[in-house]
């Protein structure tokens, strides 16, 4: 089964896309062709989108699905009359919430991603810069200034997780790839050991690691099953020696890994639940 899905908004469309993806994930037997349609903020653009939906219906034989966050009633009505299954993601929540709060909603688009708190926005930008400047252990002397230090073997997911933590939560995240020098020495660098109270070890299944490394350096010793198993085994020994909490990234998304780290950072004893 194939269905065309549109994520539609007057503004960036990030909310519609995020909520829509969450709902679609429950229907993994359906092949969804996903179309991102931000800034549908005029009646002309809404009518043009309706024409695209008609074309999708003719191609697929079934009406497309629309996940929308449209606060403009007139533009929303145009899309509702289109040849689609229309889901307005805000209408189920805004009015009941307004009644509970006793305050009318502003109905201004783009509020959830606008810079309403400049200090928090600045913190996020600074965190992103910190994560990029301290990627792959480039500045081990900065580990002591980090909120989080991720350590693990090469290709275990450190960099994308650091950037996600910085972008979404404003955490100053650094990372260190366990190198051949570390393996020969049999221990983590002293700068990392000194910041171990902020450290999290990332591990991964050896087969999964081999598949990822094969994509990077096909047929190399770096991607061999023996090397992958050795790297993981010795990294685990280092984590255990310094009581560094370990997260397995084999089947977890960046979002899931980040949520565990965030929960641990906020917990009183700094350990994962």
Protein backbone atom coordinates (compact mmCIF):
# COMPACT_ATOMS: atom_id res chain seq x y z
CA UNK A 1 0.00 0.00 0.00
CA UNK A 2 1.26 3.47 -0.90
CA UNK A 3 -0.04 6.79 0.39
CA UNK A 4 1.14 10.32 -0.27
CA UNK A 5 1.45 12.42 2.89
CA UNK A 6 1.76 16.20 3.08
CA UNK A 7 3.12 18.06 6.12
CA UNK A 8 1.58 21.50 5.79
CA UNK A 9 1.97 24.71 7.76
CA UNK A 10 1.72 28.48 7.51
CA UNK A 11 5.23 28.64 8.96
CA UNK A 12 8.21 26.24 9.14
CA UNK A 13 6.14 23.04 9.33
CA UNK A 14 8.46 21.51 11.92
CA UNK A 15 5.61 20.77 14.33
CA UNK A 16 3.41 19.19 11.65
CA UNK A 17 6.30 17.06 10.41
CA UNK A 18 7.34 15.93 13.90
CA UNK A 19 3.84 15.00 15.03
CA UNK A 20 3.00 13.46 11.68
CA UNK A 21 6.09 11.27 11.69
CA UNK A 22 5.23 10.05 15.18
CA UNK A 23 1.76 9.00 14.07
CA UNK A 24 2.92 7.41 10.82
CA UNK A 25 5.51 5.33 12.66
CA UNK A 26 2.65 3.20 13.98
CA UNK A 27 1.83 2.01 10.44
CA UNK A 28 5.05 0.41 9.22
CA UNK A 29 3.35 -1.79 6.60
CA UNK A 30 2.37 1.26 4.54
CA UNK A 31 4.73 2.92 2.05
CA UNK A 32 4.42 6.65 2.68
CA UNK A 33 5.67 9.18 0.16
CA UNK A 34 6.24 12.19 2.41
CA UNK A 35 6.07 15.74 1.08
CA UNK A 36 7.14 18.74 3.18
CA UNK A 37 5.07 21.88 2.44
CA UNK A 38 5.98 24.84 4.71
CA UNK A 39 4.78 28.45 4.32
CA UNK A 40 1.34 27.74 2.83
CA UNK A 41 0.31 31.17 4.06
CA UNK A 42 -1.80 32.54 1.20
CA UNK A 43 -5.01 31.38 -0.41
CA UNK A 44 -3.21 31.06 -3.76
CA UNK A 45 -0.65 28.68 -2.28
CA UNK A 46 -3.40 26.67 -0.63
CA UNK A 47 -5.23 26.27 -3.96
CA UNK A 48 -1.99 25.25 -5.68
CA UNK A 49 -1.50 22.59 -3.01
CA UNK A 50 -5.06 21.34 -3.59
CA UNK A 51 -4.16 20.87 -7.25
CA UNK A 52 -1.12 18.81 -6.23
CA UNK A 53 -3.35 16.72 -3.99
CA UNK A 54 -5.68 16.03 -6.93
CA UNK A 55 -2.68 14.84 -8.94
CA UNK A 56 -1.58 12.58 -6.06
CA UNK A 57 -5.07 11.08 -5.90
CA UNK A 58 -5.02 10.38 -9.62
CA UNK A 59 -1.59 8.77 -9.35
CA UNK A 60 -2.16 6.71 -6.19
CA UNK A 61 -5.85 5.90 -6.54
CA UNK A 62 -6.43 7.01 -2.93
CA UNK A 63 -6.66 10.47 -1.41
CA UNK A 64 -3.49 11.86 0.18
CA UNK A 65 -3.15 12.46 3.91
CA UNK A 66 -2.51 15.98 5.19
CA UNK A 67 -1.00 16.75 8.60
CA UNK A 68 -1.50 20.47 9.11
CA UNK A 69 -0.91 23.22 11.63
CA UNK A 70 -2.99 26.01 10.10
CA UNK A 71 -4.13 28.80 12.40
CA UNK A 72 -5.63 30.86 9.55
CA UNK A 73 -9.22 29.59 9.28
CA UNK A 74 -9.78 30.64 5.66
CA UNK A 75 -6.60 28.99 4.34
CA UNK A 76 -7.35 25.90 6.41
CA UNK A 77 -10.87 25.69 4.97
CA UNK A 78 -9.48 25.69 1.41
CA UNK A 79 -7.30 22.68 2.26
CA UNK A 80 -10.15 20.90 4.06
CA UNK A 81 -12.26 21.11 0.91
CA UNK A 82 -9.42 19.55 -1.08
CA UNK A 83 -9.28 15.93 -2.18
CA UNK A 84 -7.52 14.71 0.96
CA UNK A 85 -7.84 13.23 4.45
CA UNK A 86 -7.16 16.36 6.49
CA UNK A 87 -5.85 16.28 10.07
CA UNK A 88 -5.54 19.65 11.80
CA UNK A 89 -3.10 18.96 14.63
CA UNK A 90 -3.79 22.10 16.67
CA UNK A 91 -7.59 22.25 16.73
CA UNK A 92 -7.94 19.27 19.08
CA UNK A 93 -5.81 20.98 21.70
CA UNK A 94 -5.87 24.78 21.38
CA UNK A 95 -9.53 25.41 22.26
CA UNK A 96 -9.71 22.99 25.24
CA UNK A 97 -6.44 24.43 26.54
CA UNK A 98 -7.78 27.96 26.09
CA UNK A 99 -10.87 27.07 28.13
CA UNK A 100 -8.75 25.57 30.90
CA UNK A 101 -6.40 28.56 31.05
CA UNK A 102 -9.12 31.15 30.63
CA UNK A 103 -6.97 32.91 28.02
CA UNK A 104 -7.60 33.25 24.30
CA UNK A 105 -4.85 31.86 22.02
CA UNK A 106 -2.81 34.36 20.03
CA UNK A 107 -3.26 32.35 16.80
CA UNK A 108 0.06 33.65 15.52
CA UNK A 109 1.96 31.22 13.32
CA UNK A 110 5.57 30.20 13.96
CA UNK A 111 5.43 30.84 17.72
CA UNK A 112 6.81 27.44 18.73
CA UNK A 113 10.06 28.02 16.81
CA UNK A 114 10.36 31.79 17.12
CA UNK A 115 13.04 33.46 19.21
CA UNK A 116 10.78 34.25 22.16
CA UNK A 117 13.58 33.82 24.70
CA UNK A 118 16.78 35.36 23.29
CA UNK A 119 18.89 34.07 26.20
CA UNK A 120 17.93 30.44 25.51
CA UNK A 121 18.48 30.91 21.77
CA UNK A 122 21.95 32.33 22.44
CA UNK A 123 22.70 29.40 24.75
CA UNK A 124 21.79 26.94 22.00
CA UNK A 125 23.98 28.70 19.43
CA UNK A 126 26.91 28.72 21.85
CA UNK A 127 26.34 25.02 22.57
CA UNK A 128 26.37 24.21 18.85
CA UNK A 129 29.63 26.10 18.40
CA UNK A 130 31.09 24.26 21.41
CA UNK A 131 30.05 20.86 20.03
CA UNK A 132 31.61 21.58 16.63
CA UNK A 133 34.83 22.96 18.14
CA UNK A 134 35.18 19.95 20.44
CA UNK A 135 34.28 17.16 18.03
CA UNK A 136 36.46 14.04 17.81
CA UNK A 137 38.55 15.03 20.84
CA UNK A 138 40.06 18.06 19.09
CA UNK A 139 40.33 20.02 22.38
CA UNK A 140 40.62 17.59 25.31
CA UNK A 141 41.52 20.53 27.56
CA UNK A 142 37.92 21.70 27.11
CA UNK A 143 36.35 18.51 28.51
CA UNK A 144 36.23 20.14 31.94
CA UNK A 145 33.95 22.87 30.56
CA UNK A 146 31.49 20.44 28.95
CA UNK A 147 28.07 19.52 30.31
CA UNK A 148 28.42 16.13 28.62
CA UNK A 149 31.40 14.22 27.20
CA UNK A 150 30.60 11.24 24.99
CA UNK A 151 33.29 8.60 24.53
CA UNK A 152 33.27 5.50 22.39
CA UNK A 153 34.87 3.64 19.53
CA UNK A 154 34.91 5.15 16.07
CA UNK A 155 31.44 5.22 14.39
CA UNK A 156 29.40 4.60 17.53
CA UNK A 157 27.25 7.73 17.14
CA UNK A 158 29.08 10.33 19.21
CA UNK A 159 29.07 13.33 16.85
CA UNK A 160 25.38 13.35 15.81
CA UNK A 161 24.29 12.84 19.41
CA UNK A 162 26.45 15.77 20.57
CA UNK A 163 24.98 18.05 17.92
CA UNK A 164 21.45 16.96 18.77
CA UNK A 165 22.00 17.70 22.47
CA UNK A 166 23.40 21.11 21.59
CA UNK A 167 20.71 22.07 19.08
CA UNK A 168 17.68 20.93 21.07
CA UNK A 169 18.75 21.31 24.69
CA UNK A 170 21.59 23.82 24.69
CA UNK A 171 24.01 21.35 26.29
CA UNK A 172 27.73 21.89 25.79
CA UNK A 173 28.62 18.44 24.45
CA UNK A 174 32.11 17.24 23.54
CA UNK A 175 33.22 13.81 22.42
CA UNK A 176 36.30 11.64 22.29
CA UNK A 177 36.82 8.72 19.89
CA UNK A 178 38.84 5.95 21.53
CA UNK A 179 41.92 5.86 19.31
CA UNK A 180 44.64 3.31 18.60
CA UNK A 181 46.87 5.31 20.92
CA UNK A 182 44.33 4.81 23.72
CA UNK A 183 44.18 1.08 23.00
CA UNK A 184 47.97 0.78 23.07
CA UNK A 185 48.11 2.69 26.35
CA UNK A 186 45.21 0.66 27.68
CA UNK A 187 43.34 3.62 29.09
CA UNK A 188 41.44 6.81 28.34
CA UNK A 189 43.31 10.14 28.14
CA UNK A 190 43.83 11.93 31.49
CA UNK A 191 41.72 14.92 30.42
CA UNK A 192 38.74 12.62 29.93
CA UNK A 193 39.31 10.77 33.19
CA UNK A 194 39.36 14.15 34.93
CA UNK A 195 35.92 14.92 33.47
CA UNK A 196 34.44 11.44 33.93
CA UNK A 197 31.64 12.78 36.14
CA UNK A 198 30.17 14.25 32.91
CA UNK A 199 31.10 11.29 30.67
CA UNK A 200 28.89 8.71 28.97
CA UNK A 201 30.25 5.72 27.11
CA UNK A 202 28.61 4.70 23.85
CA UNK A 203 28.82 1.07 22.82
CA UNK A 204 27.39 -0.81 19.84
CA UNK A 205 26.92 -4.37 18.62
CA UNK A 206 29.98 -5.64 16.75
CA UNK A 207 28.01 -6.68 13.65
CA UNK A 208 26.33 -3.30 13.42
CA UNK A 209 29.67 -1.53 13.90
CA UNK A 210 31.25 -3.61 11.15
CA UNK A 211 28.42 -2.72 8.74
CA UNK A 212 28.85 0.99 9.44
CA UNK A 213 32.63 0.85 9.11
CA UNK A 214 32.37 -1.14 5.87
CA UNK A 215 30.45 1.74 4.34
CA UNK A 216 33.29 4.08 5.27
CA UNK A 217 36.33 1.87 4.47
CA UNK A 218 35.23 -1.22 2.62
CA UNK A 219 37.48 -4.26 3.02
CA UNK A 220 39.84 -2.53 5.47
CA UNK A 221 41.32 -3.91 8.68
CA UNK A 222 39.48 -1.07 10.43
CA UNK A 223 36.17 -2.66 9.37
CA UNK A 224 37.11 -6.29 10.03
CA UNK A 225 34.98 -8.33 12.48
CA UNK A 226 38.04 -9.01 14.66
CA UNK A 227 38.93 -5.30 14.93
CA UNK A 228 35.34 -4.33 15.72
CA UNK A 229 35.05 -6.93 18.48
CA UNK A 230 38.42 -5.92 19.94
CA UNK A 231 37.63 -2.22 19.95
CA UNK A 232 34.29 -2.76 21.68
CA UNK A 233 35.72 -5.20 24.24
CA UNK A 234 38.60 -2.93 25.24
CA UNK A 235 36.39 0.15 25.34
CA UNK A 236 34.02 -1.64 27.72
CA UNK A 237 36.96 -2.46 29.97
CA UNK A 238 37.91 1.23 30.13
CA UNK A 239 34.34 2.28 30.89
CA UNK A 240 34.09 -0.25 33.70
CA UNK A 241 37.44 0.78 35.20
CA UNK A 242 36.30 4.40 35.54
CA UNK A 243 32.62 3.67 36.35
CA UNK A 244 31.44 5.53 33.24
CA UNK A 245 27.75 4.81 32.48
CA UNK A 246 27.27 3.06 29.14
CA UNK A 247 24.51 3.45 26.53
CA UNK A 248 24.05 0.97 23.70
CA UNK A 249 23.44 2.73 20.37
CA UNK A 250 22.86 -0.40 18.26
CA UNK A 251 19.12 -0.05 17.81
CA UNK A 252 18.43 3.32 19.39
CA UNK A 253 17.85 6.57 17.54
CA UNK A 254 19.77 9.74 18.31
CA UNK A 255 16.63 11.09 19.98
CA UNK A 256 16.39 8.06 22.28
CA UNK A 257 20.06 8.23 23.24
CA UNK A 258 19.82 11.96 23.89
CA UNK A 259 16.75 11.54 26.10
CA UNK A 260 18.60 9.04 28.30
CA UNK A 261 21.57 11.37 28.62
CA UNK A 262 19.33 14.32 29.40
CA UNK A 263 17.52 12.35 32.10
CA UNK A 264 20.82 11.33 33.65
CA UNK A 265 22.22 14.86 33.55
CA UNK A 266 19.13 16.14 35.36
CA UNK A 267 18.98 13.32 37.94
CA UNK A 268 20.40 14.00 41.43
CA UNK A 269 23.03 11.28 41.30
CA UNK A 270 23.94 11.76 37.63
CA UNK A 271 23.27 8.17 36.66
CA UNK A 272 20.97 6.74 34.02
CA UNK A 273 17.66 5.34 35.17
